């Protein structure tokens, strides 16, 4: 076996054993594009080796998706098959784990009528509301990993010879996910321990608000009373730990829905529904987006914000140091999975209930009364840079540094 195949096997093991953490007798559901078939076979093999009862694969194909958006009638995008939504719910209720493999072209839907994209996205989100709630509340184990495709590699490495781009993207993924280390599983355990230092500090301080300052950004984000900072490891309702994103460098919590004021500017492009949004800014008043700009993808951004009432508010605030394995590559991946872990970021839309003490046991109404946002959307966008300073405002009004020049100040 060559070294590349060894790395692929390690990556598959990391996804199965640390990402979704498949348990004996459990069903694993894999969502993947057909371009990732070779890697999916390694996932399937490893899942059965660790005791999975069933491994079910839901395939997709970028070319077919593009053809649908080009040729299907408008009404097709206002529907989502209810049998499929019920199937996802049933598998989740029977303790299945869900692994998503991302290899899509970041520009897949460039040039498609925005209304078609918005209709399809909203129909899917509405149909999967119950299923999504299981993931948002840690009822189920789930994880996302990425596999190169030619279109994605072409986007990230346009200056390389075409036949070298996928290899270069694989190496970037291996570096970001610690696969190049001798024992990636232990490396992730050590990484989780290191992030615990920051979450413990932040949870002890219980800041009333964070103040973000950088070129184009002057934003104050109030935090929930009783908020919890979370890092790489989550625990499902069976007590099984899992890591939802590989890679992940963030610590995050939920903002107070009505407590965001000021302006924030993006620092990396956002790929959303197969279109890029770039060089954009959002202005907030009492938590709500009241104005926005975008040099690229203005209509796509507007469609995101207009998903529902909750998509006019934030659901997550995440801190990521500028010095991190992903940021150090100096690459723009055009994938939120990677780019959000190279920079501090915010999320438009849904809040995670587990970011509030006791939130997993609260009803949606109770969560709303405590100040969590509810939405069909949850979309991260990047705001961090080497120029960002963040201050923590304590309940007594005193201020102390949290980030300086893009990195931890404590």
Protein backbone atom coordinates (compact mmCIF):
# COMPACT_ATOMS: atom_id res chain seq x y z
CA UNK A 1 0.00 0.00 0.00
CA UNK A 2 1.40 3.42 -0.96
CA UNK A 3 1.51 6.39 1.39
CA UNK A 4 -1.47 8.09 -0.25
CA UNK A 5 -3.66 5.03 0.28
CA UNK A 6 -2.48 4.87 3.90
CA UNK A 7 -3.56 8.49 4.39
CA UNK A 8 -6.95 7.76 2.82
CA UNK A 9 -7.43 4.85 5.20
CA UNK A 10 -6.51 7.08 8.15
CA UNK A 11 -8.93 9.73 6.92
CA UNK A 12 -11.74 7.18 6.63
CA UNK A 13 -10.98 5.86 10.11
CA UNK A 14 -10.98 9.41 11.48
CA UNK A 15 -14.38 10.14 9.93
CA UNK A 16 -15.93 6.89 11.18
CA UNK A 17 -14.33 6.59 14.63
CA UNK A 18 -13.85 10.21 15.70
CA UNK A 19 -16.29 12.11 13.46
CA UNK A 20 -19.58 10.19 13.70
CA UNK A 21 -18.07 7.65 16.14
CA UNK A 22 -20.06 4.66 14.85
CA UNK A 23 -21.11 2.25 17.61
CA UNK A 24 -21.63 -1.53 17.36
CA UNK A 25 -25.05 -2.33 15.93
CA UNK A 26 -25.63 1.22 14.69
CA UNK A 27 -26.75 2.28 11.22
CA UNK A 28 -24.53 4.76 9.36
CA UNK A 29 -26.07 6.94 6.65
CA UNK A 30 -23.56 8.44 4.20
CA UNK A 31 -24.48 11.31 1.89
CA UNK A 32 -21.91 11.63 -0.89
CA UNK A 33 -21.32 12.67 -4.51
CA UNK A 34 -20.47 9.95 -6.99
CA UNK A 35 -17.04 11.54 -7.54
CA UNK A 36 -16.14 10.39 -4.00
CA UNK A 37 -17.04 6.73 -4.62
CA UNK A 38 -13.56 5.33 -3.93
CA UNK A 39 -13.39 7.11 -0.57
CA UNK A 40 -16.97 6.12 0.31
CA UNK A 41 -16.02 2.47 -0.13
CA UNK A 42 -13.29 2.96 2.48
CA UNK A 43 -15.86 4.58 4.79
CA UNK A 44 -18.25 1.65 4.32
CA UNK A 45 -15.48 -0.89 4.97
CA UNK A 46 -14.30 0.83 8.14
CA UNK A 47 -17.84 1.30 9.46
CA UNK A 48 -18.57 -2.41 9.14
CA UNK A 49 -15.20 -3.22 10.71
CA UNK A 50 -16.08 -1.26 13.84
CA UNK A 51 -19.48 -2.94 14.13
CA UNK A 52 -22.04 -1.04 12.03
CA UNK A 53 -25.22 -3.03 11.32
CA UNK A 54 -26.09 -1.18 8.11
CA UNK A 55 -24.28 1.39 5.99
CA UNK A 56 -26.64 3.25 3.66
CA UNK A 57 -25.32 5.59 0.95
CA UNK A 58 -27.35 8.44 -0.55
CA UNK A 59 -25.59 9.44 -3.79
CA UNK A 60 -25.66 12.77 -5.61
CA UNK A 61 -24.17 14.07 -8.86
CA UNK A 62 -23.29 17.68 -9.66
CA UNK A 63 -24.08 17.32 -13.36
CA UNK A 64 -27.55 15.96 -12.67
CA UNK A 65 -28.17 18.69 -10.09
CA UNK A 66 -27.16 21.34 -12.63
CA UNK A 67 -29.44 19.80 -15.29
CA UNK A 68 -32.36 19.86 -12.89
CA UNK A 69 -31.88 23.56 -12.14
CA UNK A 70 -31.56 24.34 -15.85
CA UNK A 71 -34.44 22.27 -17.21
CA UNK A 72 -37.01 21.34 -14.53
CA UNK A 73 -40.24 23.38 -14.28
CA UNK A 74 -40.47 26.10 -11.64
CA UNK A 75 -42.91 24.14 -9.47
CA UNK A 76 -40.34 21.35 -9.03
CA UNK A 77 -38.27 23.64 -6.83
CA UNK A 78 -41.14 24.32 -4.45
CA UNK A 79 -41.40 20.65 -3.50
CA UNK A 80 -39.28 18.20 -1.52
CA UNK A 81 -40.17 14.49 -1.38
CA UNK A 82 -41.92 13.90 1.93
CA UNK A 83 -41.07 10.19 1.82
CA UNK A 84 -37.42 11.13 1.95
CA UNK A 85 -37.89 13.57 4.83
CA UNK A 86 -39.80 10.92 6.79
CA UNK A 87 -37.07 8.42 6.03
CA UNK A 88 -34.40 10.70 7.50
CA UNK A 89 -36.55 11.26 10.58
CA UNK A 90 -37.16 7.54 11.06
CA UNK A 91 -33.46 6.70 10.77
CA UNK A 92 -32.58 9.45 13.25
CA UNK A 93 -35.21 8.24 15.70
CA UNK A 94 -33.64 4.77 15.48
CA UNK A 95 -30.21 6.14 16.47
CA UNK A 96 -28.59 6.22 13.03
CA UNK A 97 -25.43 8.31 12.59
CA UNK A 98 -25.08 10.64 9.60
CA UNK A 99 -21.89 11.36 7.66
CA UNK A 100 -21.88 14.04 4.95
CA UNK A 101 -19.10 14.05 2.35
CA UNK A 102 -18.68 17.41 0.62
CA UNK A 103 -17.03 17.60 -2.80
CA UNK A 104 -19.39 19.93 -4.63
CA UNK A 105 -18.32 22.58 -7.13
CA UNK A 106 -18.46 25.95 -5.29
CA UNK A 107 -19.75 27.53 -8.53
CA UNK A 108 -22.19 24.73 -9.37
CA UNK A 109 -25.29 26.93 -9.66
CA UNK A 110 -23.65 30.07 -11.00
CA UNK A 111 -26.04 31.70 -13.47
CA UNK A 112 -29.14 29.86 -12.25
CA UNK A 113 -32.16 32.05 -11.47
CA UNK A 114 -31.88 32.96 -7.75
CA UNK A 115 -35.60 32.31 -7.17
CA UNK A 116 -35.20 28.66 -8.18
CA UNK A 117 -32.35 28.21 -5.72
CA UNK A 118 -34.21 29.98 -2.93
CA UNK A 119 -37.39 27.96 -3.52
CA UNK A 120 -35.51 24.64 -3.50
CA UNK A 121 -33.54 25.54 -0.40
CA UNK A 122 -36.63 26.64 1.50
CA UNK A 123 -38.69 23.59 0.47
CA UNK A 124 -35.93 21.27 1.66
CA UNK A 125 -35.44 23.13 4.93
CA UNK A 126 -39.17 23.10 5.68
CA UNK A 127 -39.53 19.39 4.91
CA UNK A 128 -36.51 18.52 7.06
CA UNK A 129 -37.39 20.77 10.00
CA UNK A 130 -37.84 17.85 12.41
CA UNK A 131 -34.75 16.03 11.19
CA UNK A 132 -32.64 19.19 11.40
CA UNK A 133 -33.81 19.76 14.98
CA UNK A 134 -32.28 16.41 15.94
CA UNK A 135 -28.88 17.58 14.74
CA UNK A 136 -29.20 21.09 16.18
CA UNK A 137 -29.99 19.67 19.64
CA UNK A 138 -27.37 16.86 19.61
CA UNK A 139 -29.98 14.10 19.58
CA UNK A 140 -28.00 12.32 16.84
CA UNK A 141 -24.35 11.94 15.86
CA UNK A 142 -23.35 13.61 12.61
CA UNK A 143 -20.21 14.84 10.91
CA UNK A 144 -18.98 16.49 7.70
CA UNK A 145 -15.75 15.72 5.86
CA UNK A 146 -14.54 16.82 2.43
CA UNK A 147 -13.14 15.02 -0.60
CA UNK A 148 -11.61 16.81 -3.62
CA UNK A 149 -13.40 17.01 -6.94
CA UNK A 150 -11.84 18.39 -10.11
CA UNK A 151 -14.11 21.45 -10.14
CA UNK A 152 -13.34 22.29 -6.51
CA UNK A 153 -9.59 21.72 -6.97
CA UNK A 154 -9.63 23.95 -10.07
CA UNK A 155 -11.16 26.73 -7.96
CA UNK A 156 -8.61 26.47 -5.15
CA UNK A 157 -5.47 25.93 -7.26
CA UNK A 158 -6.00 27.70 -10.62
CA UNK A 159 -2.27 28.40 -11.03
CA UNK A 160 -1.24 24.73 -10.89
CA UNK A 161 -1.21 22.34 -13.83
CA UNK A 162 -4.64 20.74 -14.10
CA UNK A 163 -3.40 17.21 -13.34
CA UNK A 164 -1.77 18.37 -10.07
CA UNK A 165 -4.71 20.21 -8.57
CA UNK A 166 -6.57 17.31 -6.96
CA UNK A 167 -3.33 16.01 -5.43
CA UNK A 168 -2.62 19.47 -3.99
CA UNK A 169 -6.12 19.71 -2.53
CA UNK A 170 -5.81 16.27 -0.95
CA UNK A 171 -2.58 17.35 0.73
CA UNK A 172 -4.24 20.52 2.02
CA UNK A 173 -7.10 18.45 3.44
CA UNK A 174 -4.70 15.99 5.06
CA UNK A 175 -2.79 18.85 6.68
CA UNK A 176 -5.95 20.55 7.95
CA UNK A 177 -7.35 17.33 9.44
CA UNK A 178 -4.05 16.24 11.04
CA UNK A 179 -3.85 13.12 8.88
CA UNK A 180 -0.15 13.80 8.28
CA UNK A 181 0.55 13.22 11.96
CA UNK A 182 1.68 9.78 13.11
CA UNK A 183 -1.50 9.15 15.11
CA UNK A 184 -4.33 11.38 13.86
CA UNK A 185 -6.85 10.01 16.36
CA UNK A 186 -4.61 10.91 19.31
CA UNK A 187 -3.81 14.26 17.68
CA UNK A 188 -7.53 15.08 17.65
CA UNK A 189 -7.89 14.09 21.29
CA UNK A 190 -4.98 16.40 22.15
CA UNK A 191 -6.55 19.17 20.04
CA UNK A 192 -9.83 18.84 21.94
CA UNK A 193 -7.94 19.13 25.24
CA UNK A 194 -6.23 22.31 24.04
CA UNK A 195 -9.54 23.92 23.03
CA UNK A 196 -10.98 22.97 26.42
CA UNK A 197 -8.61 25.54 27.93
CA UNK A 198 -10.33 28.34 26.04
CA UNK A 199 -13.91 27.15 26.53
CA UNK A 200 -13.30 26.77 30.26
CA UNK A 201 -11.91 30.30 30.47
CA UNK A 202 -14.78 31.78 28.45
CA UNK A 203 -17.45 29.89 30.38
CA UNK A 204 -15.92 31.04 33.65
CA UNK A 205 -15.86 34.68 32.56
CA UNK A 206 -19.50 34.69 31.32
CA UNK A 207 -19.07 37.87 29.28
CA UNK A 208 -22.17 39.96 28.83
CA UNK A 209 -21.01 40.93 25.33
CA UNK A 210 -18.16 40.78 22.85
CA UNK A 211 -16.95 43.82 20.90
CA UNK A 212 -15.38 43.07 17.50
CA UNK A 213 -13.13 45.67 15.84
CA UNK A 214 -11.35 45.42 12.48
CA UNK A 215 -11.29 47.30 9.16
CA UNK A 216 -14.94 47.56 8.13
CA UNK A 217 -16.13 45.99 11.41
CA UNK A 218 -17.37 47.59 14.60
CA UNK A 219 -19.85 45.15 16.11
CA UNK A 220 -21.14 44.45 19.61
CA UNK A 221 -22.67 41.01 20.22
CA UNK A 222 -24.51 40.45 23.48
CA UNK A 223 -24.46 36.89 24.81
CA UNK A 224 -27.24 34.93 26.47
CA UNK A 225 -27.44 34.78 30.23
CA UNK A 226 -26.28 31.24 31.00
CA UNK A 227 -24.61 30.79 27.61
CA UNK A 228 -22.18 27.92 27.11
CA UNK A 229 -19.07 27.97 24.94
CA UNK A 230 -18.62 24.71 23.02
CA UNK A 231 -15.59 23.24 21.27
CA UNK A 232 -14.88 20.25 19.04
CA UNK A 233 -16.65 17.45 20.92
CA UNK A 234 -20.42 17.05 21.18
CA UNK A 235 -22.35 14.27 22.94
CA UNK A 236 -25.57 12.76 21.56
CA UNK A 237 -28.56 11.74 23.68
CA UNK A 238 -27.13 8.22 24.05
CA UNK A 239 -24.00 9.66 25.68
CA UNK A 240 -21.79 9.01 22.65
CA UNK A 241 -19.23 11.72 21.78
CA UNK A 242 -18.80 12.87 18.17
CA UNK A 243 -17.18 15.72 16.22
CA UNK A 244 -19.53 17.38 13.74
CA UNK A 245 -16.88 19.07 11.56
CA UNK A 246 -13.52 17.68 10.43
CA UNK A 247 -11.57 19.94 10.50
CA UNK A 248 -12.63 22.23 13.36
CA UNK A 249 -10.67 24.95 15.16
CA UNK A 250 -13.51 27.00 16.65
CA UNK A 251 -15.07 27.60 20.02
CA UNK A 252 -18.60 28.94 19.73
CA UNK A 253 -21.77 29.98 21.51
CA UNK A 254 -25.13 31.62 20.83
CA UNK A 255 -25.73 35.38 20.83
CA UNK A 256 -28.74 37.10 22.33
CA UNK A 257 -31.13 37.38 19.38
CA UNK A 258 -31.90 41.07 19.93
CA UNK A 259 -28.45 42.05 21.21
CA UNK A 260 -26.36 42.59 18.05
CA UNK A 261 -25.54 46.15 16.97
CA UNK A 262 -23.12 47.70 14.48
CA UNK A 263 -21.53 46.67 11.19
CA UNK A 264 -19.47 43.64 10.24
CA UNK A 265 -17.53 42.93 7.04
CA UNK A 266 -16.67 39.55 5.55
CA UNK A 267 -13.03 38.49 5.21
CA UNK A 268 -13.48 35.41 3.00
CA UNK A 269 -15.90 34.45 0.21
CA UNK A 270 -19.00 32.51 1.21
CA UNK A 271 -20.16 29.64 -1.02
CA UNK A 272 -23.92 29.30 -0.60
CA UNK A 273 -26.29 27.25 -2.76
CA UNK A 274 -23.65 26.87 -5.47
CA UNK A 275 -22.93 30.60 -5.71
CA UNK A 276 -20.22 32.78 -4.21
CA UNK A 277 -20.95 35.83 -2.06
CA UNK A 278 -17.89 38.03 -1.65
CA UNK A 279 -16.81 41.33 -0.06
CA UNK A 280 -20.07 41.82 1.78
CA UNK A 281 -21.13 43.63 4.93
CA UNK A 282 -24.11 43.44 7.27
CA UNK A 283 -25.50 46.19 9.49
CA UNK A 284 -27.43 45.23 12.63
CA UNK A 285 -29.78 47.11 14.93
CA UNK A 286 -31.22 45.38 18.00
CA UNK A 287 -30.16 42.06 16.53
CA UNK A 288 -31.76 42.45 13.11
CA UNK A 289 -30.02 42.87 9.75
CA UNK A 290 -31.22 46.29 8.61
CA UNK A 291 -28.84 46.81 5.68
CA UNK A 292 -26.32 44.84 3.65
CA UNK A 293 -23.91 45.21 0.74
CA UNK A 294 -22.09 42.72 -1.50
CA UNK A 295 -19.66 43.20 -4.37
CA UNK A 296 -20.53 39.70 -5.63
CA UNK A 297 -23.61 37.58 -4.98
CA UNK A 298 -25.91 40.36 -3.79
CA UNK A 299 -29.08 38.51 -4.88
CA UNK A 300 -27.88 35.28 -3.28
CA UNK A 301 -27.19 37.08 -0.01
CA UNK A 302 -30.60 38.72 -0.14
CA UNK A 303 -32.19 35.30 -0.69
CA UNK A 304 -30.40 33.93 2.37
CA UNK A 305 -31.45 36.84 4.57
CA UNK A 306 -35.05 36.57 3.34
CA UNK A 307 -35.37 32.83 4.06
CA UNK A 308 -37.64 33.61 7.01
CA UNK A 309 -37.91 36.04 9.93
CA UNK A 310 -35.15 34.27 11.89
CA UNK A 311 -32.66 34.58 9.02
CA UNK A 312 -32.58 38.34 9.67
CA UNK A 313 -30.81 37.56 12.98
CA UNK A 314 -27.69 35.72 14.14
CA UNK A 315 -27.56 32.25 15.67
CA UNK A 316 -23.86 31.72 16.39
CA UNK A 317 -20.69 33.57 17.29
CA UNK A 318 -17.44 31.60 16.90
CA UNK A 319 -13.86 32.45 17.79
CA UNK A 320 -10.97 31.07 15.72
CA UNK A 321 -7.37 32.31 16.03
CA UNK A 322 -5.69 33.65 12.90
CA UNK A 323 -2.78 31.29 13.60
CA UNK A 324 -4.26 27.84 12.95
CA UNK A 325 -3.46 24.88 10.67
CA UNK A 326 -6.02 26.00 8.08
CA UNK A 327 -5.24 29.70 8.19
CA UNK A 328 -1.53 28.92 7.94
CA UNK A 329 -2.08 27.34 4.50
CA UNK A 330 -2.93 30.84 3.16
CA UNK A 331 -5.56 29.19 1.00
CA UNK A 332 -9.15 30.15 0.36
CA UNK A 333 -10.96 26.81 0.16
CA UNK A 334 -14.32 28.19 -1.02
CA UNK A 335 -15.88 25.73 1.43
CA UNK A 336 -17.35 26.91 4.73
CA UNK A 337 -16.18 23.65 6.34
CA UNK A 338 -12.58 24.87 5.94
CA UNK A 339 -12.81 28.64 5.67
CA UNK A 340 -14.88 29.00 8.86
CA UNK A 341 -12.06 27.23 10.71
CA UNK A 342 -9.49 29.69 9.43
CA UNK A 343 -11.27 32.77 10.80
CA UNK A 344 -13.65 33.90 13.51
CA UNK A 345 -17.16 33.82 12.16
CA UNK A 346 -20.84 34.43 12.74
CA UNK A 347 -23.87 32.46 11.55
CA UNK A 348 -27.07 33.82 10.11
CA UNK A 349 -30.14 31.97 11.40
CA UNK A 350 -30.73 29.09 13.80
CA UNK A 351 -29.07 28.91 17.23
CA UNK A 352 -27.91 25.65 18.80
CA UNK A 353 -29.97 24.88 21.95
CA UNK A 354 -26.98 23.23 23.61
CA UNK A 355 -25.24 26.64 23.72
CA UNK A 356 -27.57 27.53 26.60
CA UNK A 357 -27.40 25.87 30.00
CA UNK A 358 -30.30 23.40 30.08
CA UNK A 359 -31.19 24.23 26.48
CA UNK A 360 -31.36 20.62 25.26
CA UNK A 361 -34.36 20.02 27.52
CA UNK A 362 -36.21 23.26 26.65
CA UNK A 363 -39.11 23.61 24.25
CA UNK A 364 -38.81 25.93 21.23
CA UNK A 365 -40.96 28.50 23.04
CA UNK A 366 -38.75 28.35 26.13
CA UNK A 367 -35.62 28.76 24.01
CA UNK A 368 -37.15 31.78 22.30
CA UNK A 369 -38.06 33.34 25.64
CA UNK A 370 -34.42 32.98 26.74
CA UNK A 371 -33.25 34.80 23.59
CA UNK A 372 -32.21 32.04 21.16
CA UNK A 373 -32.94 32.55 17.48
CA UNK A 374 -35.05 30.13 15.43
CA UNK A 375 -34.79 29.82 11.65
CA UNK A 376 -34.76 27.38 8.77
CA UNK A 377 -31.27 28.69 7.94
CA UNK A 378 -27.90 28.32 9.65
CA UNK A 379 -25.11 29.73 7.48
CA UNK A 380 -21.64 30.66 8.74
CA UNK A 381 -19.71 33.57 7.26
CA UNK A 382 -16.13 34.59 8.03
CA UNK A 383 -15.17 37.89 9.70
CA UNK A 384 -11.80 37.19 11.36
CA UNK A 385 -8.38 38.39 10.24
CA UNK A 386 -4.94 39.32 11.57
CA UNK A 387 -6.34 42.83 12.11
CA UNK A 388 -9.19 41.84 14.42
CA UNK A 389 -9.35 42.76 18.10
CA UNK A 390 -12.08 41.39 20.35
CA UNK A 391 -12.92 42.69 23.81
CA UNK A 392 -14.99 40.87 26.41
CA UNK A 393 -17.44 43.04 28.34
CA UNK A 394 -18.11 41.64 31.82
CA UNK A 395 -21.48 41.95 33.64
CA UNK A 396 -20.08 44.83 35.74
CA UNK A 397 -19.17 46.75 32.57
CA UNK A 398 -15.42 46.23 32.83
CA UNK A 399 -13.57 45.31 29.63
CA UNK A 400 -10.73 42.87 29.00
CA UNK A 401 -8.98 41.64 25.84
CA UNK A 402 -10.02 38.31 24.32
CA UNK A 403 -8.29 38.60 20.91
CA UNK A 404 -5.49 40.90 19.82
CA UNK A 405 -4.23 41.01 16.23
CA UNK A 406 -6.43 38.03 15.40
CA UNK A 407 -5.21 35.69 18.14
CA UNK A 408 -6.04 34.75 21.69
CA UNK A 409 -5.03 37.36 24.26
CA UNK A 410 -5.21 34.97 27.22
